[in-house]
Amino acid sequence: NTDNQQLNGTRTYTYDKNKHELEMYLITKYSPFKTIDDFFKQFSLIKSASGTLIILYNLKLSDCGEPELNIKTDPYDILIDSKNRRNLFIDDDNRTHIWSSILLYKYQNTLNKTSTTD
């Protein structure tokens, strides 16, 4: 637990024991790691000097029983399940209608402003 501060071009870190204890309590309460040791063991899964480890748990299942995120298709990417993806995007016809409405509104406002200033 650190707070970054710039001091003479270098970074300094301030340790707050109470904040650290609260954060570790929250991690062990709400994550799949029930002990601090279990949590810190996860860092050994990163095999290089630096890296990112993403842990997914408590994923929702779609109506057909598949997880909402697809981690099987591509081991290097997390995808939104194709059955769930269609709910995220507006179809092209609807999108065109929305843009047409916006443009018409702007055009009408322009006409109103022009006619009131004459």
N, C-alpha and C. Protein backbone atom coordinates (compact mmCIF):
# COMPACT_ATOMS: atom_id res chain seq x y z
N ASN A 1 0.86 -1.18 0.00
CA ASN A 1 0.00 0.00 0.00
C ASN A 1 0.89 1.23 0.00
N THR A 2 0.85 1.98 -1.08
CA THR A 2 1.70 3.16 -1.17
C THR A 2 0.94 4.32 -1.74
N ASP A 3 1.35 5.49 -1.36
CA ASP A 3 0.84 6.72 -1.96
C ASP A 3 2.01 7.37 -2.67
N ASN A 4 1.87 7.61 -3.97
CA ASN A 4 2.96 8.22 -4.73
C ASN A 4 3.01 9.71 -4.49
N GLN A 5 4.21 10.21 -4.32
CA GLN A 5 4.44 11.65 -4.22
C GLN A 5 5.70 11.95 -5.00
N GLN A 6 5.72 13.07 -5.72
CA GLN A 6 6.93 13.51 -6.41
C GLN A 6 7.71 14.41 -5.48
N LEU A 7 8.96 14.10 -5.27
CA LEU A 7 9.82 14.90 -4.41
C LEU A 7 11.19 15.00 -5.08
N ASN A 8 11.55 16.18 -5.54
CA ASN A 8 12.83 16.40 -6.22
C ASN A 8 13.05 15.42 -7.38
N GLY A 9 11.99 15.13 -8.14
CA GLY A 9 12.12 14.25 -9.29
C GLY A 9 12.18 12.77 -8.97
N THR A 10 12.06 12.40 -7.70
CA THR A 10 12.06 10.98 -7.34
C THR A 10 10.73 10.65 -6.67
N ARG A 11 10.39 9.41 -6.68
CA ARG A 11 9.14 8.99 -6.04
C ARG A 11 9.41 8.58 -4.61
N THR A 12 8.53 9.01 -3.75
CA THR A 12 8.60 8.57 -2.35
C THR A 12 7.32 7.81 -2.05
N TYR A 13 7.38 6.93 -1.11
CA TYR A 13 6.23 6.12 -0.75
C TYR A 13 5.95 6.27 0.74
N THR A 14 4.67 6.41 1.04
CA THR A 14 4.24 6.53 2.43
C THR A 14 3.45 5.28 2.77
N TYR A 15 3.84 4.60 3.81
CA TYR A 15 3.16 3.39 4.24
C TYR A 15 2.15 3.74 5.32
N ASP A 16 0.93 3.31 5.12
CA ASP A 16 -0.13 3.54 6.10
C ASP A 16 -0.61 2.16 6.56
N LYS A 17 -0.22 1.77 7.76
CA LYS A 17 -0.52 0.43 8.27
C LYS A 17 -2.02 0.18 8.35
N ASN A 18 -2.80 1.14 8.82
CA ASN A 18 -4.25 0.94 8.94
C ASN A 18 -4.90 0.75 7.57
N LYS A 19 -4.48 1.55 6.61
CA LYS A 19 -5.03 1.43 5.25
C LYS A 19 -4.66 0.07 4.66
N HIS A 20 -3.42 -0.36 4.85
CA HIS A 20 -2.97 -1.65 4.35
C HIS A 20 -3.78 -2.79 4.97
N GLU A 21 -3.98 -2.75 6.27
CA GLU A 21 -4.75 -3.81 6.94
C GLU A 21 -6.19 -3.85 6.44
N LEU A 22 -6.79 -2.69 6.23
CA LEU A 22 -8.15 -2.64 5.70
C LEU A 22 -8.20 -3.22 4.29
N GLU A 23 -7.26 -2.85 3.44
CA GLU A 23 -7.24 -3.37 2.07
C GLU A 23 -7.05 -4.88 2.05
N MET A 24 -6.17 -5.40 2.88
CA MET A 24 -5.95 -6.85 2.93
C MET A 24 -7.18 -7.56 3.47
N TYR A 25 -7.85 -6.97 4.44
CA TYR A 25 -9.10 -7.54 4.96
C TYR A 25 -10.13 -7.63 3.84
N LEU A 26 -10.28 -6.55 3.06
CA LEU A 26 -11.27 -6.54 1.98
C LEU A 26 -10.93 -7.56 0.90
N ILE A 27 -9.65 -7.70 0.59
CA ILE A 27 -9.23 -8.69 -0.41
C ILE A 27 -9.59 -10.09 0.06
N THR A 28 -9.27 -10.42 1.31
CA THR A 28 -9.55 -11.77 1.79
C THR A 28 -11.04 -12.01 2.01
N LYS A 29 -11.80 -10.96 2.21
CA LYS A 29 -13.25 -11.12 2.40
C LYS A 29 -13.97 -11.32 1.07
N TYR A 30 -13.60 -10.55 0.04
CA TYR A 30 -14.38 -10.53 -1.20
C TYR A 30 -13.72 -11.23 -2.39
N SER A 31 -12.53 -11.75 -2.23
CA SER A 31 -11.87 -12.43 -3.35
C SER A 31 -11.88 -13.94 -3.09
N PRO A 32 -11.42 -14.72 -4.06
CA PRO A 32 -11.36 -16.17 -3.83
C PRO A 32 -10.21 -16.57 -2.90
N PHE A 33 -9.37 -15.62 -2.48
CA PHE A 33 -8.23 -15.91 -1.62
C PHE A 33 -8.61 -15.60 -0.18
N LYS A 34 -8.72 -16.63 0.61
CA LYS A 34 -9.23 -16.45 1.97
C LYS A 34 -8.15 -16.17 3.00
N THR A 35 -6.90 -16.28 2.60
CA THR A 35 -5.81 -15.90 3.50
C THR A 35 -4.85 -14.98 2.74
N ILE A 36 -4.08 -14.23 3.49
CA ILE A 36 -3.10 -13.33 2.88
C ILE A 36 -2.04 -14.15 2.14
N ASP A 37 -1.67 -15.31 2.69
CA ASP A 37 -0.69 -16.18 2.02
C ASP A 37 -1.22 -16.65 0.67
N ASP A 38 -2.50 -17.06 0.61
CA ASP A 38 -3.10 -17.46 -0.67
C ASP A 38 -3.03 -16.33 -1.69
N PHE A 39 -3.29 -15.12 -1.23
CA PHE A 39 -3.25 -13.96 -2.12
C PHE A 39 -1.83 -13.74 -2.66
N PHE A 40 -0.83 -13.74 -1.79
CA PHE A 40 0.53 -13.45 -2.23
C PHE A 40 1.13 -14.58 -3.07
N LYS A 41 0.63 -15.80 -2.93
CA LYS A 41 1.10 -16.91 -3.78
C LYS A 41 0.79 -16.65 -5.25
N GLN A 42 -0.24 -15.87 -5.53
CA GLN A 42 -0.63 -15.59 -6.92
C GLN A 42 0.47 -14.85 -7.68
N PHE A 43 1.27 -14.06 -6.98
CA PHE A 43 2.35 -13.32 -7.64
C PHE A 43 3.41 -14.25 -8.21
N SER A 44 3.55 -15.45 -7.64
CA SER A 44 4.54 -16.40 -8.17
C SER A 44 4.10 -16.97 -9.51
N LEU A 45 2.84 -16.79 -9.89
CA LEU A 45 2.37 -17.25 -11.19
C LEU A 45 2.86 -16.36 -12.34
N ILE A 46 3.32 -15.17 -12.03
CA ILE A 46 3.91 -14.30 -13.05
C ILE A 46 5.36 -14.74 -13.21
N LYS A 47 5.68 -15.29 -14.37
CA LYS A 47 6.99 -15.93 -14.58
C LYS A 47 8.09 -14.98 -15.03
N SER A 48 7.75 -13.76 -15.39
CA SER A 48 8.77 -12.81 -15.85
C SER A 48 9.01 -11.75 -14.77
N ALA A 49 9.96 -10.86 -15.04
CA ALA A 49 10.30 -9.82 -14.06
C ALA A 49 9.13 -8.86 -13.84
N SER A 50 8.29 -8.72 -14.84
CA SER A 50 7.09 -7.89 -14.70
C SER A 50 5.97 -8.56 -15.48
N GLY A 51 4.77 -8.17 -15.20
CA GLY A 51 3.65 -8.76 -15.92
C GLY A 51 2.34 -8.50 -15.22
N THR A 52 1.30 -9.03 -15.81
CA THR A 52 -0.05 -8.85 -15.28
C THR A 52 -0.71 -10.22 -15.16
N LEU A 53 -1.34 -10.45 -14.06
CA LEU A 53 -2.11 -11.66 -13.85
C LEU A 53 -3.55 -11.24 -13.63
N ILE A 54 -4.44 -11.73 -14.47
CA ILE A 54 -5.86 -11.40 -14.34
C ILE A 54 -6.57 -12.63 -13.80
N ILE A 55 -7.28 -12.45 -12.71
CA ILE A 55 -8.01 -13.55 -12.08
C ILE A 55 -9.49 -13.24 -12.19
N LEU A 56 -10.21 -14.10 -12.88
CA LEU A 56 -11.65 -13.93 -13.06
C LEU A 56 -12.37 -14.93 -12.18
N TYR A 57 -13.35 -14.47 -11.44
CA TYR A 57 -14.16 -15.38 -10.63
C TYR A 57 -15.55 -14.78 -10.49
N ASN A 58 -16.50 -15.60 -10.09
CA ASN A 58 -17.90 -15.19 -9.97
C ASN A 58 -18.45 -14.60 -11.26
N LEU A 59 -18.10 -15.22 -12.38
CA LEU A 59 -18.63 -14.74 -13.66
C LEU A 59 -20.10 -15.11 -13.78
N LYS A 60 -20.86 -14.22 -14.37
CA LYS A 60 -22.26 -14.51 -14.63
C LYS A 60 -22.35 -15.50 -15.78
N LEU A 61 -23.40 -16.30 -15.76
CA LEU A 61 -23.66 -17.21 -16.87
C LEU A 61 -24.79 -16.65 -17.72
N SER A 62 -24.67 -16.84 -19.03
CA SER A 62 -25.72 -16.38 -19.94
C SER A 62 -26.92 -17.32 -19.82
N ASP A 63 -27.97 -17.01 -20.56
CA ASP A 63 -29.18 -17.84 -20.53
C ASP A 63 -28.91 -19.27 -20.98
N CYS A 64 -27.89 -19.45 -21.82
CA CYS A 64 -27.57 -20.81 -22.28
C CYS A 64 -26.49 -21.48 -21.43
N GLY A 65 -26.14 -20.87 -20.29
CA GLY A 65 -25.22 -21.50 -19.35
C GLY A 65 -23.75 -21.25 -19.60
N GLU A 66 -23.41 -20.40 -20.57
CA GLU A 66 -22.01 -20.08 -20.86
C GLU A 66 -21.58 -18.85 -20.05
N PRO A 67 -20.31 -18.78 -19.63
CA PRO A 67 -19.84 -17.58 -18.93
C PRO A 67 -19.94 -16.35 -19.82
N GLU A 68 -20.15 -15.18 -19.21
CA GLU A 68 -20.30 -13.95 -19.98
C GLU A 68 -19.01 -13.55 -20.69
N LEU A 69 -17.87 -13.98 -20.17
CA LEU A 69 -16.59 -13.72 -20.82
C LEU A 69 -16.02 -15.03 -21.36
N ASN A 70 -15.50 -14.99 -22.57
CA ASN A 70 -14.96 -16.16 -23.23
C ASN A 70 -13.43 -16.13 -23.10
N ILE A 71 -12.88 -17.06 -22.34
CA ILE A 71 -11.43 -17.13 -22.18
C ILE A 71 -10.86 -18.38 -22.85
N LYS A 72 -11.71 -19.16 -23.53
CA LYS A 72 -11.27 -20.40 -24.15
C LYS A 72 -10.84 -20.22 -25.60
N THR A 73 -11.50 -19.34 -26.35
CA THR A 73 -11.23 -19.19 -27.78
C THR A 73 -9.81 -18.71 -28.05
N ASP A 74 -9.36 -17.71 -27.33
CA ASP A 74 -8.02 -17.14 -27.52
C ASP A 74 -7.34 -17.03 -26.15
N PRO A 75 -6.27 -17.79 -25.93
CA PRO A 75 -5.63 -17.76 -24.61
C PRO A 75 -4.95 -16.42 -24.28
N TYR A 76 -4.83 -15.54 -25.27
CA TYR A 76 -4.18 -14.25 -25.06
C TYR A 76 -5.17 -13.08 -25.05
N ASP A 77 -6.45 -13.39 -25.05
CA ASP A 77 -7.46 -12.33 -25.09
C ASP A 77 -8.69 -12.77 -24.32
N ILE A 78 -9.38 -11.82 -23.72
CA ILE A 78 -10.64 -12.08 -23.04
C ILE A 78 -11.73 -11.50 -23.93
N LEU A 79 -12.64 -12.33 -24.37
CA LEU A 79 -13.68 -11.91 -25.30
C LEU A 79 -15.03 -11.90 -24.61
N ILE A 80 -15.90 -11.03 -25.07
CA ILE A 80 -17.29 -11.08 -24.63
C ILE A 80 -17.94 -12.21 -25.40
N ASP A 81 -18.60 -13.11 -24.72
CA ASP A 81 -19.25 -14.25 -25.36
C ASP A 81 -20.14 -13.76 -26.49
N SER A 82 -20.08 -14.42 -27.65
CA SER A 82 -20.81 -13.95 -28.84
C SER A 82 -22.31 -13.84 -28.60
N LYS A 83 -22.85 -14.68 -27.75
CA LYS A 83 -24.29 -14.61 -27.48
C LYS A 83 -24.63 -13.37 -26.67
N ASN A 84 -23.68 -12.91 -25.83
CA ASN A 84 -23.90 -11.70 -25.03
C ASN A 84 -23.52 -10.45 -25.79
N ARG A 85 -22.62 -10.57 -26.78
CA ARG A 85 -22.11 -9.41 -27.50
C ARG A 85 -23.22 -8.67 -28.23
N ARG A 86 -24.17 -9.40 -28.80
CA ARG A 86 -25.21 -8.72 -29.59
C ARG A 86 -26.08 -7.81 -28.73
N ASN A 87 -26.11 -8.02 -27.43
CA ASN A 87 -26.89 -7.14 -26.56
C ASN A 87 -26.18 -5.82 -26.30
N LEU A 88 -24.88 -5.74 -26.64
CA LEU A 88 -24.11 -4.54 -26.34
C LEU A 88 -24.15 -3.49 -27.44
N PHE A 89 -24.52 -3.90 -28.65
CA PHE A 89 -24.43 -2.99 -29.78
C PHE A 89 -25.80 -2.72 -30.37
N ILE A 90 -25.97 -1.51 -30.86
CA ILE A 90 -27.21 -1.13 -31.54
C ILE A 90 -27.07 -1.58 -32.99
N ASP A 91 -28.12 -2.16 -33.56
CA ASP A 91 -28.03 -2.57 -34.96
C ASP A 91 -27.92 -1.33 -35.86
N ASP A 92 -27.42 -1.54 -37.10
CA ASP A 92 -27.14 -0.42 -38.01
C ASP A 92 -28.37 0.40 -38.33
N ASP A 93 -29.53 -0.24 -38.52
CA ASP A 93 -30.75 0.51 -38.83
C ASP A 93 -31.10 1.46 -37.69
N ASN A 94 -31.02 0.97 -36.49
CA ASN A 94 -31.33 1.79 -35.32
C ASN A 94 -30.32 2.92 -35.16
N ARG A 95 -29.04 2.61 -35.40
CA ARG A 95 -27.99 3.62 -35.28
C ARG A 95 -28.22 4.75 -36.29
N THR A 96 -28.57 4.39 -37.54
CA THR A 96 -28.83 5.39 -38.57
C THR A 96 -30.02 6.26 -38.18
N HIS A 97 -31.04 5.64 -37.63
CA HIS A 97 -32.23 6.40 -37.19
C HIS A 97 -31.86 7.39 -36.09
N ILE A 98 -31.04 6.96 -35.16
CA ILE A 98 -30.63 7.84 -34.06
C ILE A 98 -29.84 9.03 -34.60
N TRP A 99 -28.86 8.77 -35.49
CA TRP A 99 -28.06 9.87 -36.04
C TRP A 99 -28.93 10.81 -36.87
N SER A 100 -29.87 10.27 -37.63
CA SER A 100 -30.77 11.11 -38.42
C SER A 100 -31.58 12.03 -37.51
N SER A 101 -32.05 11.50 -36.40
CA SER A 101 -32.82 12.30 -35.45
C SER A 101 -31.97 13.42 -34.87
N ILE A 102 -30.73 13.13 -34.56
CA ILE A 102 -29.83 14.14 -33.99
C ILE A 102 -29.58 15.24 -35.02
N LEU A 103 -29.28 14.84 -36.26
CA LEU A 103 -29.01 15.83 -37.30
C LEU A 103 -30.24 16.69 -37.59
N LEU A 104 -31.41 16.08 -37.63
CA LEU A 104 -32.64 16.83 -37.88
C LEU A 104 -32.88 17.82 -36.75
N TYR A 105 -32.65 17.41 -35.52
CA TYR A 105 -32.83 18.30 -34.37
C TYR A 105 -31.88 19.49 -34.48
N LYS A 106 -30.60 19.22 -34.80
CA LYS A 106 -29.63 20.31 -34.94
C LYS A 106 -30.03 21.25 -36.07
N TYR A 107 -30.48 20.69 -37.19
CA TYR A 107 -30.88 21.51 -38.34
C TYR A 107 -32.08 22.39 -37.98
N GLN A 108 -33.06 21.81 -37.30
CA GLN A 108 -34.25 22.59 -36.90
C GLN A 108 -33.86 23.71 -35.94
N ASN A 109 -32.95 23.44 -35.02
CA ASN A 109 -32.49 24.48 -34.09
C ASN A 109 -31.77 25.59 -34.84
N THR A 110 -30.99 25.23 -35.85
CA THR A 110 -30.29 26.23 -36.65
C THR A 110 -31.29 27.11 -37.37
N LEU A 111 -32.33 26.50 -37.95
CA LEU A 111 -33.36 27.27 -38.66
C LEU A 111 -34.08 28.20 -37.70
N ASN A 112 -34.41 27.70 -36.51
CA ASN A 112 -35.11 28.53 -35.53
C ASN A 112 -34.27 29.73 -35.11
N LYS A 113 -32.99 29.52 -34.91
CA LYS A 113 -32.11 30.62 -34.50
C LYS A 113 -31.97 31.64 -35.63
N THR A 114 -31.89 31.16 -36.88
CA THR A 114 -31.75 32.05 -38.03
C THR A 114 -33.00 32.90 -38.21
N SER A 115 -34.18 32.28 -38.08
CA SER A 115 -35.43 33.01 -38.31
C SER A 115 -35.73 34.00 -37.18
N THR A 116 -35.26 33.74 -35.98
CA THR A 116 -35.53 34.67 -34.88
C THR A 116 -34.58 35.84 -34.87
N THR A 117 -33.41 35.70 -35.52
CA THR A 117 -32.46 36.81 -35.53
C THR A 117 -32.68 37.74 -36.71
N ASP A 118 -33.54 37.37 -37.68
CA ASP A 118 -33.80 38.23 -38.84
C ASP A 118 -34.75 39.34 -38.51
